[in-house]
């Protein structure tokens, strides 16, 4: 799934995958709905975290 993306996603990648805006992505990251690692001001988003998020919301 999402083979065209690297294992670590940028905010722009997450926006593109989920078809949402930047503020929505940051909201999901800050609430930890999409697991991430914070390094300074930068978010590191593993691709698997986005896949897990999509799986979780589609199961409900």
C-alpha atoms as a PDB file:
ATOM      1  CA  UNK A   1       0.000   0.000   0.000  1.00  0.00           C
ATOM      2  CA  UNK A   2       1.319   3.434  -0.957  1.00  0.00           C
ATOM      3  CA  UNK A   3       4.460   1.954  -2.543  1.00  0.00           C
ATOM      4  CA  UNK A   4       5.230   5.267  -4.243  1.00  0.00           C
ATOM      5  CA  UNK A   5       5.939   6.856  -0.838  1.00  0.00           C
ATOM      6  CA  UNK A   6       9.026   6.484   1.345  1.00  0.00           C
ATOM      7  CA  UNK A   7       8.797   4.786   4.749  1.00  0.00           C
ATOM      8  CA  UNK A   8       8.942   8.217   6.427  1.00  0.00           C
ATOM      9  CA  UNK A   9       6.301  10.654   5.217  1.00  0.00           C
ATOM     10  CA  UNK A  10       6.328  14.413   5.047  1.00  0.00           C
ATOM     11  CA  UNK A  11       3.344  16.506   6.082  1.00  0.00           C
ATOM     12  CA  UNK A  12       2.652  17.057   2.388  1.00  0.00           C
ATOM     13  CA  UNK A  13       2.648  13.283   1.774  1.00  0.00           C
ATOM     14  CA  UNK A  14       0.101  12.759   4.549  1.00  0.00           C
ATOM     15  CA  UNK A  15      -2.019  15.576   3.124  1.00  0.00           C
ATOM     16  CA  UNK A  16      -1.961  13.913  -0.287  1.00  0.00           C
ATOM     17  CA  UNK A  17      -2.690  10.407   0.997  1.00  0.00           C
ATOM     18  CA  UNK A  18      -5.621  11.472   3.191  1.00  0.00           C
ATOM     19  CA  UNK A  19      -6.868  14.293   0.925  1.00  0.00           C
ATOM     20  CA  UNK A  20      -6.949  16.753   3.806  1.00  0.00           C
ATOM     21  CA  UNK A  21      -5.361  20.113   4.547  1.00  0.00           C
ATOM     22  CA  UNK A  22      -2.253  20.951   6.517  1.00  0.00           C
ATOM     23  CA  UNK A  23      -4.142  22.082   9.626  1.00  0.00           C
ATOM     24  CA  UNK A  24      -6.049  18.800   9.718  1.00  0.00           C
ATOM     25  CA  UNK A  25      -2.822  16.808   9.453  1.00  0.00           C
ATOM     26  CA  UNK A  26      -1.254  18.761  12.307  1.00  0.00           C
ATOM     27  CA  UNK A  27      -4.391  18.216  14.387  1.00  0.00           C
ATOM     28  CA  UNK A  28      -4.193  14.438  13.828  1.00  0.00           C
ATOM     29  CA  UNK A  29      -0.508  14.435  14.728  1.00  0.00           C
ATOM     30  CA  UNK A  30      -0.908  16.587  17.845  1.00  0.00           C
ATOM     31  CA  UNK A  31      -3.763  14.403  19.120  1.00  0.00           C
ATOM     32  CA  UNK A  32      -1.640  11.323  18.342  1.00  0.00           C
ATOM     33  CA  UNK A  33      -4.396   9.829  16.185  1.00  0.00           C
ATOM     34  CA  UNK A  34      -1.571   9.264  13.712  1.00  0.00           C
ATOM     35  CA  UNK A  35       1.457   8.097  15.636  1.00  0.00           C
ATOM     36  CA  UNK A  36       4.518  10.212  15.074  1.00  0.00           C
ATOM     37  CA  UNK A  37       7.854  11.193  16.517  1.00  0.00           C
ATOM     38  CA  UNK A  38       8.570  14.810  17.305  1.00  0.00           C
ATOM     39  CA  UNK A  39      12.148  15.978  16.773  1.00  0.00           C
ATOM     40  CA  UNK A  40      12.389  19.614  17.724  1.00  0.00           C
ATOM     41  CA  UNK A  41       9.731  21.352  15.668  1.00  0.00           C
ATOM     42  CA  UNK A  42       9.643  18.612  13.053  1.00  0.00           C
ATOM     43  CA  UNK A  43       7.256  15.663  12.868  1.00  0.00           C
ATOM     44  CA  UNK A  44       8.479  12.290  11.663  1.00  0.00           C
ATOM     45  CA  UNK A  45       5.565  10.229  10.388  1.00  0.00           C
ATOM     46  CA  UNK A  46       6.115   6.539   9.632  1.00  0.00           C
ATOM     47  CA  UNK A  47       4.077   5.350   6.648  1.00  0.00           C
ATOM     48  CA  UNK A  48       2.786   2.435   8.736  1.00  0.00           C
ATOM     49  CA  UNK A  49       1.200   4.921  11.170  1.00  0.00           C
ATOM     50  CA  UNK A  50      -0.903   6.388   8.370  1.00  0.00           C
ATOM     51  CA  UNK A  51      -1.859   2.906   7.155  1.00  0.00           C
ATOM     52  CA  UNK A  52      -2.880   1.961  10.710  1.00  0.00           C
ATOM     53  CA  UNK A  53      -4.956   5.148  10.976  1.00  0.00           C
ATOM     54  CA  UNK A  54      -6.751   4.414   7.692  1.00  0.00           C
ATOM     55  CA  UNK A  55      -7.402   0.816   8.754  1.00  0.00           C
ATOM     56  CA  UNK A  56      -8.786   1.921  12.120  1.00  0.00           C
ATOM     57  CA  UNK A  57     -11.212   4.467  10.688  1.00  0.00           C
ATOM     58  CA  UNK A  58     -12.444   2.122   7.949  1.00  0.00           C
ATOM     59  CA  UNK A  59     -13.189  -0.659  10.446  1.00  0.00           C
ATOM     60  CA  UNK A  60     -15.656   1.528  12.360  1.00  0.00           C
END
